[in-house]
Protein backbone atom coordinates (compact mmCIF):
# COMPACT_ATOMS: atom_id res chain seq x y z
CA MET A 1 156.27 80.74 87.35
CA MET A 2 155.34 77.49 85.96
CA GLU A 3 154.91 76.07 89.41
CA ALA A 4 152.67 78.88 90.51
CA LEU A 5 150.33 78.15 87.22
CA VAL A 6 150.35 74.55 87.93
CA SER A 7 149.34 75.37 91.51
CA LEU A 8 146.22 77.06 90.12
CA VAL A 9 145.30 74.30 87.79
CA VAL A 10 145.66 71.66 90.64
CA MET A 11 143.38 73.85 92.94
CA SER A 12 140.87 74.36 90.27
CA GLY A 13 140.41 70.44 89.92
CA VAL A 14 140.07 69.89 93.68
CA LEU A 15 137.48 72.58 93.93
CA LEU A 16 135.44 70.86 91.13
CA VAL A 17 135.59 67.56 92.83
CA SER A 18 134.80 69.17 96.05
CA GLN A 19 131.70 70.28 94.99
CA LEU A 20 130.11 66.73 95.13
CA SER A 21 130.91 66.65 98.75
CA PRO A 22 127.83 67.14 101.17
CA GLY A 23 127.28 70.42 102.38
CA PRO A 24 124.26 73.27 101.85
CA ASP A 25 125.75 74.40 98.48
CA VAL A 26 125.41 71.14 96.60
CA PHE A 27 122.27 70.17 98.38
CA PHE A 28 120.58 73.52 97.32
CA VAL A 29 121.99 73.43 93.62
CA PHE A 30 121.02 69.69 92.96
CA ARG A 31 117.66 69.89 94.69
CA THR A 32 116.76 73.10 92.41
CA ALA A 33 118.22 71.79 89.33
CA LEU A 34 116.12 68.57 89.63
CA ALA A 35 113.04 70.32 90.55
CA GLN A 36 113.09 73.40 88.40
CA GLY A 37 115.46 72.59 85.64
CA PHE A 38 119.08 73.65 84.29
CA ARG A 39 118.30 77.43 84.36
CA ALA A 40 117.15 77.50 87.75
CA GLY A 41 119.97 75.24 89.01
CA ALA A 42 122.49 77.57 87.09
CA ALA A 43 121.11 80.84 88.61
CA VAL A 44 121.50 79.17 92.28
CA GLY A 45 124.96 78.39 91.34
CA SER A 46 125.86 81.76 89.80
CA GLY A 47 124.85 83.19 93.12
CA ILE A 48 126.87 80.72 95.11
CA SER A 49 129.70 81.87 92.75
CA VAL A 50 129.46 85.50 93.43
CA GLY A 51 129.57 84.70 97.24
CA PHE A 52 132.48 82.52 96.77
CA LEU A 53 134.33 85.18 94.83
CA ILE A 54 133.70 87.58 97.77
CA GLN A 55 134.85 85.05 100.30
CA ALA A 56 138.02 84.15 98.26
CA ALA A 57 138.84 87.76 97.65
CA LEU A 58 138.73 88.30 101.41
CA VAL A 59 140.75 85.23 102.28
CA ALA A 60 143.42 86.31 99.43
CA TRP A 61 144.02 89.36 101.14
CA LEU A 62 142.94 88.90 104.81
CA GLY A 63 143.63 85.51 105.35
CA GLY A 64 143.01 83.58 108.45
CA TRP A 65 142.22 86.86 110.34
CA LEU A 66 138.65 87.03 109.48
CA MET A 67 137.72 83.60 111.43
CA ALA A 68 139.68 84.92 114.37
CA GLN A 69 137.18 88.10 115.02
CA PRO A 70 134.60 87.80 117.61
CA TRP A 71 131.69 88.62 115.60
CA SER A 72 132.62 85.48 113.20
CA CYS A 73 130.19 83.72 115.81
CA CYS A 74 127.30 85.97 114.82
CA VAL A 75 127.72 84.95 111.10
CA LEU A 76 127.50 81.29 112.03
CA TYR A 77 124.21 81.80 113.87
CA VAL A 78 122.66 83.69 111.07
CA ALA A 79 123.88 80.65 108.74
CA VAL A 80 122.35 78.17 110.92
CA LEU A 81 118.90 80.02 110.79
CA TRP A 82 119.28 80.37 106.97
CA LEU A 83 120.05 76.73 106.35
CA LEU A 84 116.96 75.62 108.68
CA TYR A 85 114.83 78.02 106.59
CA LEU A 86 116.02 76.22 103.27
CA ALA A 87 115.25 72.99 105.08
CA TRP A 88 111.73 73.95 105.87
CA ARG A 89 111.07 75.57 102.59
CA ILE A 90 112.20 72.45 100.51
CA PHE A 91 110.59 69.87 102.98
CA PRO A 92 107.57 68.46 100.79
CA ARG A 93 104.13 69.42 101.95
CA HIS A 94 102.22 67.53 99.00
CA ARG A 95 102.94 64.47 96.65
CA VAL A 96 104.18 65.98 93.25
CA LYS A 97 102.49 64.45 90.20
CA VAL A 98 104.46 63.51 87.01
CA GLU A 99 102.49 64.12 83.50
CA GLN A 100 103.93 63.51 80.27
CA GLY A 101 107.38 63.55 81.37
CA ALA A 102 107.33 67.09 83.01
CA LEU A 103 107.53 67.82 86.76
CA GLU A 104 104.74 69.74 88.34
CA THR A 105 105.81 72.03 91.26
CA THR A 106 103.62 74.51 93.06
CA GLU A 107 106.32 77.08 92.49
CA GLN A 108 108.51 77.98 89.70
CA GLU A 109 110.74 80.81 91.41
CA PRO A 110 112.05 83.77 89.60
CA LEU A 111 115.87 83.53 88.57
CA PRO A 112 116.87 86.68 90.24
CA VAL A 113 115.24 85.18 93.51
CA LEU A 114 117.21 81.92 93.07
CA PHE A 115 120.55 83.82 92.30
CA GLY A 116 119.98 85.59 95.73
CA LYS A 117 119.15 82.59 97.60
CA GLY A 118 122.37 80.96 96.16
CA PHE A 119 124.43 83.98 97.41
CA LEU A 120 123.12 84.03 100.81
CA CYS A 121 123.57 79.99 101.13
CA ASN A 122 127.28 80.70 100.16
CA ILE A 123 128.08 83.99 101.71
CA LEU A 124 126.91 82.86 105.20
CA ASN A 125 128.50 79.59 105.07
CA PRO A 126 131.51 79.97 107.27
CA LYS A 127 132.88 76.48 106.12
CA CYS A 128 133.29 77.77 102.92
CA THR A 129 135.80 80.47 104.24
CA LEU A 130 137.74 77.62 106.11
CA PHE A 131 137.84 75.41 102.85
CA ILE A 132 139.16 78.36 100.83
CA CYS A 133 141.71 79.09 103.66
CA GLY A 134 142.93 75.27 103.83
CA LEU A 135 143.22 75.20 99.79
CA GLY A 136 144.45 78.60 99.07
CA LEU A 137 146.74 80.07 102.14
CA GLY A 138 149.67 77.53 101.44
CA PRO A 139 150.05 78.50 97.71
CA LEU A 140 149.37 82.39 98.51
CA GLU A 141 152.35 82.29 100.84
CA GLN A 142 154.52 80.42 98.55
CA PHE A 143 153.91 82.50 95.41
CA GLY A 144 152.04 85.44 96.64
CA GLY A 145 155.10 87.37 97.63
CA THR A 146 156.90 86.51 94.44
CA PHE A 147 154.42 87.34 91.75
CA ALA A 148 151.91 90.21 92.31
CA TRP A 149 149.22 88.78 89.99
CA TYR A 150 148.92 85.46 91.86
CA ALA A 151 146.45 86.46 94.52
CA PRO A 152 143.85 88.46 91.88
CA VAL A 153 144.32 85.41 89.42
CA LEU A 154 143.72 82.86 92.17
CA VAL A 155 140.46 84.48 93.13
CA LEU A 156 139.34 84.70 89.50
CA VAL A 157 140.39 80.84 88.92
CA PHE A 158 138.63 79.94 92.05
CA THR A 159 135.40 81.68 91.14
CA GLY A 160 135.37 80.34 87.42
CA ALA A 161 135.97 76.80 88.66
CA CYS A 162 133.24 77.33 91.08
CA LEU A 163 130.89 78.60 88.20
CA LEU A 164 131.82 75.88 85.85
CA GLY A 165 131.12 73.22 88.27
CA TRP A 166 127.68 74.31 89.15
CA VAL A 167 126.60 74.90 85.56
CA MET A 168 128.04 71.55 84.77
CA TRP A 169 126.35 69.44 87.59
CA SER A 170 123.09 71.36 86.82
CA ALA A 171 123.46 70.18 83.36
CA LEU A 172 124.10 66.65 84.04
CA LEU A 173 121.30 66.49 86.42
CA GLN A 174 118.99 66.94 83.47
CA TRP A 175 120.03 63.65 82.25
CA SER A 176 116.87 61.61 81.59
CA PRO A 177 117.75 58.49 83.80
CA VAL A 178 118.58 60.92 86.76
CA ARG A 179 115.71 63.44 86.29
CA GLY A 180 113.44 60.33 85.92
CA PHE A 181 114.23 58.93 89.15
CA TYR A 182 113.60 62.20 90.69
CA LEU A 183 110.38 62.23 89.04
CA ARG A 184 109.25 59.04 90.43
CA HIS A 185 110.68 59.82 94.16
CA THR A 186 110.26 63.49 94.50
CA THR A 187 108.68 63.68 97.92
CA GLU A 188 111.31 61.38 99.42
CA ILE A 189 114.18 62.83 97.71
CA ASP A 190 113.13 66.42 98.78
CA ALA A 191 112.67 65.15 102.44
CA LEU A 192 116.09 63.73 102.28
CA PHE A 193 117.71 67.19 101.04
CA ALA A 194 115.54 69.04 103.68
CA LEU A 195 116.79 66.84 106.20
CA LEU A 196 120.55 66.96 105.11
CA LEU A 197 120.30 70.80 105.22
CA ALA A 198 118.77 70.58 108.73
CA VAL A 199 121.51 68.14 109.93
CA PHE A 200 124.27 70.40 108.60
CA ALA A 201 122.84 73.35 110.38
CA ILE A 202 122.88 71.63 113.73
CA LEU A 203 126.36 70.40 113.17
CA LEU A 204 127.56 74.03 112.77
CA VAL A 205 126.11 74.67 116.11
CA VAL A 206 127.54 71.74 117.73
CA GLN A 207 130.89 72.34 116.61
CA VAL A 208 131.06 76.14 117.83
């Protein structure tokens, strides 16, 4: 039993570190937290975490069967269109001004809207399903048959680590040197985030 618990802790640590790797989730959370503040970044991260919960639950009980289905390609193309839409929305169309240390944006989106966008960003990301399969299927095969509680606890631990990570990164991005740098280079950084999302979408198509 101790080995099973240790595996959950180790996988949680890997998940937290992996949140800094390039991908649509991290680009979207980071840009939102920088542009609209902690609550906005946390709202996007919460939506992503709910999507992650659903994907982790599907992997825990259905495993790799999901990605072998013929309709999985349709999900991939929908994900590409969504990423391109996000890139278009983020791409700067004006130069943002700074007044008294506060970031002026043309739009402060409602938190439920940001939550929904985060959810869609994750649930339509097939790479997330593959990541969960790679990280969790081995331990599930090793411990799932022995401990009935392992699969549901794995899903909850994965989701909790995911949510903790996004909230933590959103808070760290409010650190004055980081936020100050973004304030001085908003147009360029937003353009970079938009470009990275578009490149990620194109790579999904190329790899089909």
